[in-house]
Protein backbone atom coordinates (compact mmCIF):
# COMPACT_ATOMS: atom_id res chain seq x y z
CA MET A 1 -5.54 5.12 -2.45
CA GLY A 2 -7.32 6.19 -5.60
CA ALA A 3 -8.97 9.15 -4.02
CA ASP A 4 -8.72 11.28 -7.06
CA THR A 5 -9.39 14.92 -6.50
CA GLY A 6 -9.95 18.01 -8.52
CA ASN A 7 -8.60 21.32 -7.31
CA GLY A 8 -11.98 22.56 -6.28
CA ALA A 9 -12.30 19.82 -3.72
CA TRP A 10 -8.80 20.32 -2.34
CA ALA A 11 -9.56 22.85 0.27
CA GLY A 12 -11.40 20.52 2.61
CA ARG A 13 -8.86 17.66 2.39
CA ARG A 14 -6.16 16.60 4.88
CA GLY A 15 -3.22 17.35 2.63
CA GLU A 16 -0.66 15.75 4.82
CA LEU A 17 -2.43 12.28 4.39
CA ASP A 18 -2.38 12.68 0.56
CA VAL A 19 1.29 13.48 0.65
CA LEU A 20 2.03 10.67 3.05
CA ARG A 21 0.28 8.24 0.79
CA ALA A 22 2.23 9.26 -2.30
CA LEU A 23 5.52 9.26 -0.29
CA VAL A 24 4.87 5.73 0.83
CA VAL A 25 4.20 4.66 -2.66
CA LEU A 26 7.38 6.31 -3.98
CA GLY A 27 9.21 4.79 -1.05
CA LEU A 28 8.28 1.37 -2.39
CA VAL A 29 10.84 1.98 -5.11
CA PHE A 30 13.53 2.13 -2.46
CA PHE A 31 12.10 -0.86 -0.72
CA HIS A 32 11.67 -3.21 -3.66
CA THR A 33 15.08 -2.19 -4.95
CA ALA A 34 16.51 -3.19 -1.57
CA LEU A 35 14.96 -6.61 -1.98
CA VAL A 36 17.32 -7.21 -4.95
CA PHE A 37 20.14 -7.35 -2.36
CA SER A 38 18.27 -9.08 0.39
CA PRO A 39 19.37 -12.71 1.37
CA ASP A 40 15.91 -13.54 2.81
CA ASP A 41 13.40 -12.54 0.03
CA ASP A 42 12.56 -14.38 -3.14
CA PHE A 43 12.43 -11.28 -5.33
CA TYR A 44 12.25 -11.47 -9.07
CA VAL A 45 15.84 -10.55 -9.75
CA LYS A 46 18.63 -11.02 -7.22
CA ASN A 47 22.13 -9.69 -6.99
CA ALA A 48 24.93 -12.25 -6.70
CA ARG A 49 25.99 -10.56 -3.37
CA THR A 50 23.46 -9.82 -0.66
CA THR A 51 23.50 -8.15 2.75
CA ASP A 52 21.63 -8.75 6.02
CA ALA A 53 21.47 -5.01 6.56
CA VAL A 54 18.58 -4.93 4.05
CA THR A 55 16.49 -7.18 6.25
CA VAL A 56 16.92 -4.93 9.26
CA LEU A 57 16.20 -1.66 7.47
CA ALA A 58 13.21 -3.18 5.65
CA GLY A 59 11.66 -3.97 8.98
CA PHE A 60 11.45 -0.22 9.84
CA GLY A 61 9.28 0.18 6.78
CA VAL A 62 6.96 -2.82 6.82
CA VAL A 63 5.85 -2.29 10.32
CA TRP A 64 3.94 0.84 9.33
CA ALA A 65 3.91 1.75 5.61
CA MET A 66 1.29 -0.57 4.07
CA PRO A 67 -0.82 -0.55 7.23
CA MET A 68 -0.92 3.30 6.78
CA LEU A 69 -2.03 2.93 3.22
CA PHE A 70 -4.95 0.75 4.31
CA LEU A 71 -5.92 3.03 7.20
CA VAL A 72 -5.91 6.13 5.03
CA ALA A 73 -7.95 4.25 2.40
CA GLY A 74 -10.55 3.46 5.09
CA LEU A 75 -10.64 7.11 5.98
CA GLY A 76 -11.35 7.99 2.37
CA ALA A 77 -13.97 5.23 2.14
CA ARG A 78 -15.98 6.94 4.95
CA HIS A 79 -16.12 10.19 2.97
CA SER A 80 -16.96 8.32 -0.26
CA ILE A 81 -19.81 6.45 1.29
CA ARG A 82 -21.24 9.60 2.83
CA ARG A 83 -21.35 11.21 -0.61
CA ARG A 84 -22.41 8.27 -2.78
CA GLY A 85 -24.21 5.83 -0.42
CA PRO A 86 -23.10 2.23 -0.07
CA ALA A 87 -24.25 1.04 -3.51
CA GLY A 88 -22.68 4.01 -5.28
CA PHE A 89 -19.50 3.48 -3.30
CA ALA A 90 -19.27 -0.20 -4.32
CA ARG A 91 -19.84 0.73 -8.02
CA GLU A 92 -17.23 3.52 -7.87
CA ARG A 93 -14.71 1.24 -6.30
CA LEU A 94 -15.26 -1.54 -8.81
CA LEU A 95 -14.53 0.99 -11.48
CA ARG A 96 -11.66 2.88 -9.89
CA LEU A 97 -9.87 -0.23 -8.54
CA GLY A 98 -11.15 -3.09 -10.68
CA VAL A 99 -10.29 -1.59 -14.02
CA PRO A 100 -6.60 -0.86 -13.23
CA LEU A 101 -6.34 -4.25 -11.44
CA VAL A 102 -7.51 -6.15 -14.57
CA PHE A 103 -5.46 -3.96 -16.96
CA ALA A 104 -2.25 -4.01 -14.99
CA THR A 105 -2.49 -7.82 -14.18
CA ALA A 106 -2.73 -8.57 -17.94
CA VAL A 107 -0.32 -5.91 -19.25
CA LEU A 108 2.24 -5.20 -16.57
CA CYS A 109 2.54 -8.24 -14.20
CA PRO A 110 3.78 -10.73 -16.77
CA LEU A 111 7.08 -8.82 -17.28
CA PRO A 112 8.56 -9.45 -13.89
CA GLN A 113 7.63 -13.04 -14.00
CA TRP A 114 9.31 -13.37 -17.37
CA LEU A 115 12.42 -11.64 -16.19
CA ARG A 116 12.51 -13.89 -13.20
CA LEU A 117 12.79 -16.91 -15.48
CA ARG A 118 15.48 -15.17 -17.57
CA ALA A 119 17.52 -14.19 -14.52
CA ALA A 120 17.30 -17.64 -13.01
CA ASP A 121 18.32 -19.53 -16.24
CA PRO A 122 20.64 -17.89 -18.78
CA GLY A 123 19.53 -20.49 -21.30
CA TYR A 124 15.86 -19.52 -21.01
CA ASP A 125 14.88 -18.04 -24.33
CA GLU A 126 11.09 -18.23 -24.56
CA PRO A 127 9.67 -15.28 -26.47
CA TYR A 128 7.81 -12.86 -24.33
CA GLY A 129 4.57 -13.23 -26.33
CA ARG A 130 4.52 -16.99 -25.74
CA PHE A 131 5.15 -16.65 -22.05
CA TRP A 132 2.41 -13.94 -21.87
CA ALA A 133 -0.13 -16.41 -23.14
CA ARG A 134 0.94 -19.01 -20.64
CA PHE A 135 0.86 -16.38 -17.83
CA LEU A 136 -2.81 -15.73 -18.57
CA SER A 137 -3.74 -19.40 -18.45
CA VAL A 138 -5.63 -19.46 -15.09
CA ARG A 139 -8.14 -21.54 -13.31
CA PRO A 140 -10.50 -20.50 -10.35
CA ASP A 141 -9.25 -21.11 -6.79
CA LEU A 142 -11.47 -19.84 -3.98
CA ALA A 143 -9.25 -21.28 -1.16
CA ASP A 144 -6.90 -18.27 -1.29
CA PHE A 145 -9.70 -15.65 -1.10
CA PRO A 146 -9.68 -12.87 -2.16
CA PHE A 147 -7.13 -14.15 -4.75
CA VAL A 148 -9.55 -16.29 -6.79
CA LEU A 149 -7.39 -17.19 -9.74
CA GLU A 150 -4.29 -19.23 -10.02
CA GLY A 151 -2.03 -20.55 -12.76
CA ASP A 152 1.44 -22.07 -13.20
CA HIS A 153 2.90 -18.59 -13.85
CA PHE A 154 -0.02 -16.20 -13.11
CA GLU A 155 0.14 -13.80 -10.18
CA THR A 156 -1.11 -10.38 -9.27
CA GLY A 157 2.36 -9.48 -8.00
CA HIS A 158 2.44 -6.12 -6.20
CA LEU A 159 -1.13 -5.60 -7.08
CA TRP A 160 -2.04 -7.69 -3.98
CA PHE A 161 -2.73 -4.33 -2.31
CA VAL A 162 -5.36 -3.47 -4.89
CA VAL A 163 -6.94 -6.89 -4.71
CA LEU A 164 -7.27 -6.64 -0.91
CA LEU A 165 -8.50 -3.01 -0.98
CA LEU A 166 -11.11 -3.72 -3.49
CA ALA A 167 -12.26 -6.79 -1.51
CA PHE A 168 -12.35 -4.76 1.68
CA CYS A 169 -14.38 -2.02 0.15
CA LEU A 170 -16.97 -4.50 -1.21
CA LEU A 171 -17.16 -6.21 2.21
CA LEU A 172 -17.58 -2.82 3.94
CA ALA A 173 -20.37 -1.37 1.80
CA PRO A 174 -23.22 -3.47 3.31
CA VAL A 175 -22.32 -2.81 6.88
CA ALA A 176 -20.96 0.77 6.59
CA ALA A 177 -24.00 2.43 8.34
CA ARG A 178 -23.90 0.23 11.32
CA LEU A 179 -20.08 0.53 11.69
CA ALA A 180 -20.23 4.36 11.48
CA ALA A 181 -23.04 4.46 14.08
CA GLY A 182 -20.93 2.35 16.42
CA ALA A 183 -17.92 4.53 15.95
CA GLY A 184 -20.03 7.51 16.73
CA ARG A 185 -20.91 6.13 20.09
CA VAL A 186 -17.27 5.30 21.05
CA ALA A 187 -15.66 8.50 20.01
CA PRO A 188 -16.81 10.75 22.82
CA ALA A 189 -14.97 8.55 25.36
CA LEU A 190 -11.66 9.40 23.65
CA ARG A 191 -11.88 13.05 24.91
CA SER A 192 -11.34 11.94 28.49
CA ARG A 193 -9.60 8.66 27.92
CA PRO A 194 -7.37 9.03 24.88
CA ALA A 195 -5.45 5.79 25.89
CA LEU A 196 -8.46 3.89 24.34
CA LEU A 197 -6.81 4.56 21.05
CA LEU A 198 -4.50 1.71 21.91
CA LEU A 199 -7.32 -0.85 22.02
CA PRO A 200 -7.03 -1.84 18.31
CA ALA A 201 -3.53 -2.99 18.94
CA LEU A 202 -4.95 -6.10 20.72
CA PRO A 203 -7.00 -7.55 17.80
CA LEU A 204 -4.09 -6.76 15.48
CA ALA A 205 -1.71 -8.65 17.69
CA ALA A 206 -4.10 -11.57 17.88
CA VAL A 207 -4.67 -11.80 14.12
CA ASN A 208 -0.96 -11.66 13.35
CA ALA A 209 -0.07 -14.16 16.12
CA LEU A 210 -2.84 -16.68 15.43
CA LEU A 211 -3.25 -16.55 11.62
CA GLY A 212 0.50 -16.04 10.98
CA MET A 213 2.41 -13.41 9.06
CA GLU A 214 2.52 -13.58 5.28
CA GLU A 215 5.83 -12.62 3.62
CA GLY A 216 4.03 -11.98 0.25
CA PHE A 217 1.98 -9.24 1.94
CA ALA A 218 4.83 -7.17 3.35
CA GLY A 219 5.08 -9.27 6.53
CA TRP A 220 1.50 -8.74 7.67
CA ASN A 221 -1.46 -11.23 7.65
CA ARG A 222 -3.91 -10.08 4.98
CA TRP A 223 -6.72 -9.85 7.47
CA ALA A 224 -4.72 -7.58 9.72
CA TYR A 225 -4.97 -5.07 6.84
CA LEU A 226 -8.77 -5.29 7.04
CA LEU A 227 -8.55 -4.15 10.70
CA PHE A 228 -6.48 -1.13 9.65
CA PHE A 229 -8.92 -0.38 6.94
CA VAL A 230 -11.97 -0.72 9.11
CA HIS A 231 -10.46 1.42 11.92
CA GLY A 232 -9.58 4.14 9.37
CA PHE A 233 -13.25 4.04 8.29
CA ALA A 234 -14.52 4.13 11.96
CA LEU A 235 -12.22 6.91 13.08
CA ALA A 236 -12.50 9.11 10.05
CA ASP A 237 -12.81 12.84 10.38
CA ASP A 238 -13.94 12.99 13.97
CA GLU A 239 -12.29 15.94 15.72
CA ARG A 240 -12.36 14.11 19.07
CA VAL A 241 -10.39 11.25 17.49
CA ARG A 242 -7.97 13.62 15.87
CA GLU A 243 -7.38 15.50 19.20
CA ALA A 244 -6.75 12.22 21.03
CA THR A 245 -4.28 11.22 18.32
CA ARG A 246 -2.45 14.43 18.56
CA ARG A 247 -2.30 14.27 22.38
CA THR A 248 -0.96 10.68 22.51
CA ALA A 249 1.38 10.79 19.46
CA VAL A 250 4.61 10.93 21.39
CA PRO A 251 3.96 8.36 24.15
CA VAL A 252 2.38 5.98 21.70
CA GLY A 253 5.32 6.39 19.29
CA VAL A 254 7.70 5.55 22.18
CA LEU A 255 5.65 2.50 22.98
CA GLY A 256 5.73 1.51 19.35
CA VAL A 257 9.51 1.66 19.26
CA VAL A 258 9.74 -0.45 22.47
CA LEU A 259 7.33 -3.06 21.02
CA PHE A 260 9.12 -3.23 17.71
CA ALA A 261 12.52 -3.63 19.54
CA GLY A 262 10.96 -6.48 21.39
CA THR A 263 10.49 -8.41 18.09
CA ALA A 264 14.27 -8.42 17.38
CA PRO A 265 15.12 -11.67 19.37
CA GLY A 266 12.27 -13.53 17.52
CA PHE A 267 13.24 -12.31 14.01
CA VAL A 268 16.98 -12.70 14.52
CA ALA A 269 17.49 -15.90 16.46
CA GLY A 270 14.09 -17.57 17.01
CA ASP A 271 12.13 -20.11 15.18
CA ASP A 272 10.40 -19.06 11.92
CA PRO A 273 8.57 -15.99 13.16
CA PHE A 274 6.03 -15.99 10.23
CA THR A 275 4.35 -19.32 10.81
CA ALA A 276 5.89 -21.24 13.80
CA TRP A 277 3.69 -21.97 16.76
CA THR A 278 6.34 -21.79 19.40
CA PRO A 279 5.86 -19.32 22.23
CA SER A 280 8.72 -17.20 20.92
CA ALA A 281 7.18 -16.96 17.44
CA LEU A 282 3.72 -16.19 18.72
CA VAL A 283 4.99 -13.47 20.93
CA THR A 284 7.08 -11.99 18.17
CA ARG A 285 4.07 -11.79 15.74
CA ALA A 286 1.91 -10.31 18.46
CA LEU A 287 4.42 -7.62 19.32
CA PHE A 288 4.81 -6.81 15.68
CA GLY A 289 1.04 -6.35 15.20
CA ALA A 290 0.77 -4.09 18.27
CA ALA A 291 3.79 -2.13 17.22
CA GLY A 292 2.37 -1.45 13.83
CA TRP A 293 -0.75 0.14 15.26
CA CYS A 294 1.31 2.28 17.60
CA TRP A 295 3.51 3.55 14.71
CA VAL A 296 0.53 4.36 12.56
CA ILE A 297 -1.21 6.34 15.29
CA ALA A 298 2.01 8.16 16.23
CA ILE A 299 2.76 9.18 12.67
CA LEU A 300 -0.86 10.43 12.20
CA GLY A 301 -0.79 12.45 15.38
CA LEU A 302 2.60 14.03 14.69
CA LEU A 303 1.57 14.99 11.14
CA ASP A 304 -1.84 16.42 12.20
CA ARG A 305 -0.73 19.85 13.35
CA PRO A 306 -2.39 23.22 12.72
CA ARG A 307 -0.94 24.97 9.63
CA ARG A 308 -1.30 28.46 8.43
CA PRO A 309 -3.44 28.50 5.23
CA ARG A 310 -1.41 29.20 2.13
CA VAL A 311 -2.61 31.14 -0.84
CA ARG A 312 -2.35 29.12 -3.96
CA SER A 313 -2.45 30.35 -7.52
CA GLY A 314 -2.55 28.84 -10.97
CA ARG A 315 -3.91 25.47 -11.84
CA GLY A 316 -2.82 23.70 -8.79
CA GLY A 317 0.24 22.67 -6.77
CA MET A 318 2.34 19.75 -5.62
CA LEU A 319 -0.13 18.48 -3.04
CA PRO A 320 -3.03 18.01 -5.42
CA TYR A 321 -0.56 16.50 -8.04
CA LEU A 322 0.71 13.95 -5.52
CA ALA A 323 -2.82 13.21 -4.22
CA VAL A 324 -4.01 11.94 -7.60
CA ALA A 325 -0.74 10.15 -8.53
CA ALA A 326 -0.64 7.58 -5.76
CA LEU A 327 -2.54 4.72 -7.42
CA PRO A 328 -0.91 5.02 -10.92
CA LEU A 329 2.49 5.28 -9.29
CA TYR A 330 1.77 2.21 -7.23
CA VAL A 331 0.63 0.17 -10.33
CA LEU A 332 3.68 1.29 -12.37
CA HIS A 333 6.57 1.00 -9.95
CA GLN A 334 7.38 -2.65 -9.52
CA PRO A 335 7.69 -3.79 -13.20
CA VAL A 336 9.94 -0.76 -13.72
CA VAL A 337 12.16 -1.62 -10.75
CA VAL A 338 12.39 -5.25 -11.89
CA ALA A 339 13.37 -4.22 -15.46
CA PHE A 340 16.16 -1.92 -14.38
CA ALA A 341 17.35 -4.43 -11.79
CA TYR A 342 17.57 -7.15 -14.45
CA GLY A 343 19.85 -4.82 -16.49
CA VAL A 344 22.04 -3.72 -13.56
CA VAL A 345 22.68 -6.73 -11.30
CA GLY A 346 25.28 -8.06 -13.84
CA TRP A 347 27.39 -4.99 -13.49
CA SER A 348 30.79 -5.29 -11.89
CA ALA A 349 30.10 -2.61 -9.34
CA PRO A 350 29.60 -2.17 -5.53
CA MET A 351 26.10 -2.97 -4.23
CA ALA A 352 25.64 0.66 -3.16
CA VAL A 353 26.26 1.78 -6.70
CA LYS A 354 23.91 -0.71 -8.18
CA TYR A 355 21.22 0.20 -5.61
CA ALA A 356 21.59 3.98 -6.33
CA VAL A 357 21.35 3.41 -10.16
CA ILE A 358 18.28 1.22 -9.96
CA VAL A 359 16.49 3.70 -7.60
CA ALA A 360 17.28 6.74 -9.57
CA ALA A 361 16.47 5.12 -12.87
CA SER A 362 13.19 3.67 -11.55
CA LEU A 363 11.99 6.88 -9.95
CA THR A 364 12.73 8.88 -13.09
CA ALA A 365 10.99 6.33 -15.27
CA VAL A 366 7.99 5.88 -13.08
CA LEU A 367 7.36 9.65 -12.79
CA ALA A 368 7.89 10.15 -16.54
CA LEU A 369 5.50 7.38 -17.35
CA TYR A 370 2.85 8.77 -15.11
CA GLU A 371 3.31 12.39 -16.33
CA TYR A 372 3.52 11.65 -20.14
CA GLY A 373 1.91 8.21 -20.44
CA VAL A 374 -0.94 8.27 -17.98
CA ARG A 375 -2.00 11.66 -16.64
CA ARG A 376 -2.42 13.47 -19.91
CA TRP A 377 -4.74 11.02 -21.72
CA ALA A 378 -8.37 10.18 -20.95
CA VAL A 379 -8.04 6.50 -21.95
CA THR A 380 -4.96 5.97 -19.67
CA ARG A 381 -6.44 7.90 -16.83
CA PHE A 382 -9.43 5.50 -16.93
CA LEU A 383 -7.23 2.48 -17.16
CA PHE A 384 -5.22 3.56 -14.13
CA GLY A 385 -8.19 4.41 -11.99
CA MET A 386 -8.13 8.19 -12.33
CA ARG A 387 -11.14 10.43 -12.96
CA PRO A 388 -11.21 12.57 -16.09
CA ASP A 389 -8.88 15.53 -15.98
CA PRO A 390 -11.03 18.46 -14.42
CA ARG A 391 -9.24 20.86 -16.78
CA THR A 392 -10.66 19.06 -19.88
CA PRO A 393 -13.83 20.77 -21.10
CA PRO A 394 -16.90 18.63 -21.61
CA PRO A 395 -17.79 17.81 -25.24
CA ALA A 396 -20.03 20.33 -26.96
CA PRO A 397 -23.69 19.23 -27.24
CA ALA A 398 -24.72 17.81 -30.55
CA ARG A 399 -26.71 20.12 -32.81
């Protein structure tokens, strides 16, 4: 995420990955709205009535969506390091991810926390400005790395993805050359043995099983995401890897469905599948980790199909637009969803109506904020991790 692109660079990109990334981000509006009606999640604002159907449906998304974002980010990191070198890559990621992280944590993240307090206690009447100051009262805490600040009300909220991605990029930079060289030695074997693509499922299963799943990170252990990111970097843009992914997409997808179905007993009737050390919980977490890898590989292979080139005219098209929008849309979406949910859950209406209203209003607001509040202005583009608009002419030289 954050791979901003001008139209001139678009021709060499894998457009389906850019669109997939943007669609996953927009899908988070549907996902986080669903948590308003989930009995199992401690979301900021909760509807009085909930339904177990949300938990089941959410599982089909969490098994692959956020892992896909990290894997695609790793693929982009490979190209960025190739162009800029490790030091330049680290500086660029500090700017493109660090600036929106600091800005959004200070400006956007306090709102959901304030609304949580108001929703939980009708008598809570603390002014937002006073709560904002308390939200920003923090102290260092290295025990929860890479989340190094804590406070009574402070949180990065949905920006955990940006925190992890920035940390992974900085960890990758010093070892990128050796990792790329190792991947280059492994890739030729995939031509004759494409089943080797399944090997990363083993460490993912082990990490999830032994370190535990974390509800705050969409059901995955945070270090499992590092594995997706590193594998995206290692497998990036090698035609032998892409060919193997295309050839195995269907059987790997079927395997992923079978593995995911195998987690059902543990999630429905077993001990706490996120942290328990019973055999059932360990197996459930391991199957979930392996299933996630299979789903990601299957989706990549099914999407990677030859397409006839299209002639584009004008200043761009929907694909470049979505490609550059992913990070700003991600940063914006959750405070907007929580704000609309806070206003809607009190209605006397069926859950389906409330859900549809929150989703429709949130999507409209997020896209409008991006188009009219972020994309068109140099300052906001910078604050949301975007490069300057390529259509903006450079300033005239001083005379």
